[in-house]
Amino acid sequence: MCSVFDTELWGILDGLTLLQDRDFNRILIQTDSLEIVHANSNSGLVKRIQQRLRNIEHWVARHILREANLVVNQIVKM
């Protein structure tokens, strides 16, 4: 078991891994969690994400309203 915060971080880390394996170098991370966007902790997951992001040419982490995140909402309903 883990927190929602950690679950979000795992999703971001897995997504970054997939994108880097496909040689993407411009990434937009969208989340409805302000805590994730401003994550600056000693968490091992945060450190692993930061390490991956250092190898990406251009990336942005952006907060969006849950209602605006239609893609994720559709995936959750599947």
C-alpha atoms as a PDB file:
ATOM      1  CA  MET A   1       0.000   0.000   0.000  1.00  0.00           C
ATOM      2  CA  CYS A   2       1.122   3.535  -0.684  1.00  0.00           C
ATOM      3  CA  SER A   3      -0.230   7.069  -0.634  1.00  0.00           C
ATOM      4  CA  VAL A   4      -1.970   8.823  -3.514  1.00  0.00           C
ATOM      5  CA  PHE A   5       1.090  11.093  -3.680  1.00  0.00           C
ATOM      6  CA  ASP A   6       3.384   8.093  -4.226  1.00  0.00           C
ATOM      7  CA  THR A   7       0.988   6.579  -6.764  1.00  0.00           C
ATOM      8  CA  GLU A   8       1.088   9.800  -8.799  1.00  0.00           C
ATOM      9  CA  LEU A   9       4.878   9.830  -8.616  1.00  0.00           C
ATOM     10  CA  TRP A  10       5.098   6.200  -9.799  1.00  0.00           C
ATOM     11  CA  GLY A  11       2.864   7.069 -12.753  1.00  0.00           C
ATOM     12  CA  ILE A  12       5.096   9.992 -13.701  1.00  0.00           C
ATOM     13  CA  LEU A  13       8.264   7.914 -13.336  1.00  0.00           C
ATOM     14  CA  ASP A  14       6.846   5.090 -15.451  1.00  0.00           C
ATOM     15  CA  GLY A  15       5.689   7.571 -18.100  1.00  0.00           C
ATOM     16  CA  LEU A  16       9.100   9.242 -18.220  1.00  0.00           C
ATOM     17  CA  THR A  17      10.767   5.868 -18.587  1.00  0.00           C
ATOM     18  CA  LEU A  18       8.543   4.963 -21.545  1.00  0.00           C
ATOM     19  CA  LEU A  19       9.057   8.344 -23.217  1.00  0.00           C
ATOM     20  CA  GLN A  20      12.830   8.229 -22.807  1.00  0.00           C
ATOM     21  CA  ASP A  21      12.923   4.706 -24.235  1.00  0.00           C
ATOM     22  CA  ARG A  22      11.278   6.202 -27.327  1.00  0.00           C
ATOM     23  CA  ASP A  23      13.777   9.105 -27.448  1.00  0.00           C
ATOM     24  CA  PHE A  24      11.302  11.907 -26.716  1.00  0.00           C
ATOM     25  CA  ASN A  25      13.135  15.023 -25.555  1.00  0.00           C
ATOM     26  CA  ARG A  26      10.229  17.449 -25.018  1.00  0.00           C
ATOM     27  CA  ILE A  27       7.770  16.408 -22.319  1.00  0.00           C
ATOM     28  CA  LEU A  28       4.733  17.989 -20.720  1.00  0.00           C
ATOM     29  CA  ILE A  29       3.688  16.544 -17.370  1.00  0.00           C
ATOM     30  CA  GLN A  30       0.113  17.430 -16.437  1.00  0.00           C
ATOM     31  CA  THR A  31      -1.353  16.612 -13.055  1.00  0.00           C
ATOM     32  CA  ASP A  32      -4.258  17.755 -10.951  1.00  0.00           C
ATOM     33  CA  SER A  33      -2.031  17.638  -7.847  1.00  0.00           C
ATOM     34  CA  LEU A  34      -0.288  20.864  -6.865  1.00  0.00           C
ATOM     35  CA  GLU A  35       1.714  18.811  -4.370  1.00  0.00           C
ATOM     36  CA  ILE A  36       3.228  16.838  -7.260  1.00  0.00           C
ATOM     37  CA  VAL A  37       4.016  19.945  -9.321  1.00  0.00           C
ATOM     38  CA  HIS A  38       5.873  21.492  -6.387  1.00  0.00           C
ATOM     39  CA  ALA A  39       7.367  18.244  -5.041  1.00  0.00           C
ATOM     40  CA  ASN A  40      10.717  18.945  -3.479  1.00  0.00           C
ATOM     41  CA  SER A  41      11.343  16.247  -0.940  1.00  0.00           C
ATOM     42  CA  ASN A  42      13.863  13.636   0.004  1.00  0.00           C
ATOM     43  CA  SER A  43      11.573  10.969  -1.419  1.00  0.00           C
ATOM     44  CA  GLY A  44      13.437   8.368  -3.441  1.00  0.00           C
ATOM     45  CA  LEU A  45      10.735   8.604  -6.115  1.00  0.00           C
ATOM     46  CA  VAL A  46      11.133  12.371  -6.424  1.00  0.00           C
ATOM     47  CA  LYS A  47      14.898  11.958  -6.747  1.00  0.00           C
ATOM     48  CA  ARG A  48      14.498   9.308  -9.460  1.00  0.00           C
ATOM     49  CA  ILE A  49      12.095  11.560 -11.384  1.00  0.00           C
ATOM     50  CA  GLN A  50      14.473  14.509 -11.063  1.00  0.00           C
ATOM     51  CA  GLN A  51      17.312  12.321 -12.342  1.00  0.00           C
ATOM     52  CA  ARG A  52      15.288  11.335 -15.420  1.00  0.00           C
ATOM     53  CA  LEU A  53      14.262  14.942 -16.063  1.00  0.00           C
ATOM     54  CA  ARG A  54      17.913  16.056 -16.085  1.00  0.00           C
ATOM     55  CA  ASN A  55      18.376  13.893 -19.187  1.00  0.00           C
ATOM     56  CA  ILE A  56      15.470  15.498 -21.052  1.00  0.00           C
ATOM     57  CA  GLU A  57      16.100  18.543 -23.236  1.00  0.00           C
ATOM     58  CA  HIS A  58      12.857  20.373 -22.405  1.00  0.00           C
ATOM     59  CA  TRP A  59      10.164  19.520 -19.878  1.00  0.00           C
ATOM     60  CA  VAL A  60       7.352  21.292 -18.063  1.00  0.00           C
ATOM     61  CA  ALA A  61       5.233  20.179 -15.103  1.00  0.00           C
ATOM     62  CA  ARG A  62       1.852  21.890 -15.106  1.00  0.00           C
ATOM     63  CA  HIS A  63      -1.111  21.824 -12.757  1.00  0.00           C
ATOM     64  CA  ILE A  64      -4.494  21.395 -14.383  1.00  0.00           C
ATOM     65  CA  LEU A  65      -7.953  21.119 -12.887  1.00  0.00           C
ATOM     66  CA  ARG A  66      -9.225  17.581 -12.503  1.00  0.00           C
ATOM     67  CA  GLU A  67     -12.243  18.407 -14.645  1.00  0.00           C
ATOM     68  CA  ALA A  68      -9.961  19.593 -17.444  1.00  0.00           C
ATOM     69  CA  ASN A  69      -7.971  16.385 -17.512  1.00  0.00           C
ATOM     70  CA  LEU A  70     -10.311  14.537 -19.868  1.00  0.00           C
ATOM     71  CA  VAL A  71      -7.837  11.905 -21.038  1.00  0.00           C
ATOM     72  CA  VAL A  72      -7.072  10.679 -17.547  1.00  0.00           C
ATOM     73  CA  ASN A  73     -10.741  10.761 -16.616  1.00  0.00           C
ATOM     74  CA  GLN A  74     -11.530   8.511 -19.591  1.00  0.00           C
ATOM     75  CA  ILE A  75      -8.747   6.088 -18.689  1.00  0.00           C
ATOM     76  CA  VAL A  76      -9.953   5.889 -15.079  1.00  0.00           C
ATOM     77  CA  LYS A  77     -13.471   5.029 -16.285  1.00  0.00           C
ATOM     78  CA  MET A  78     -12.209   2.079 -18.377  1.00  0.00           C
END
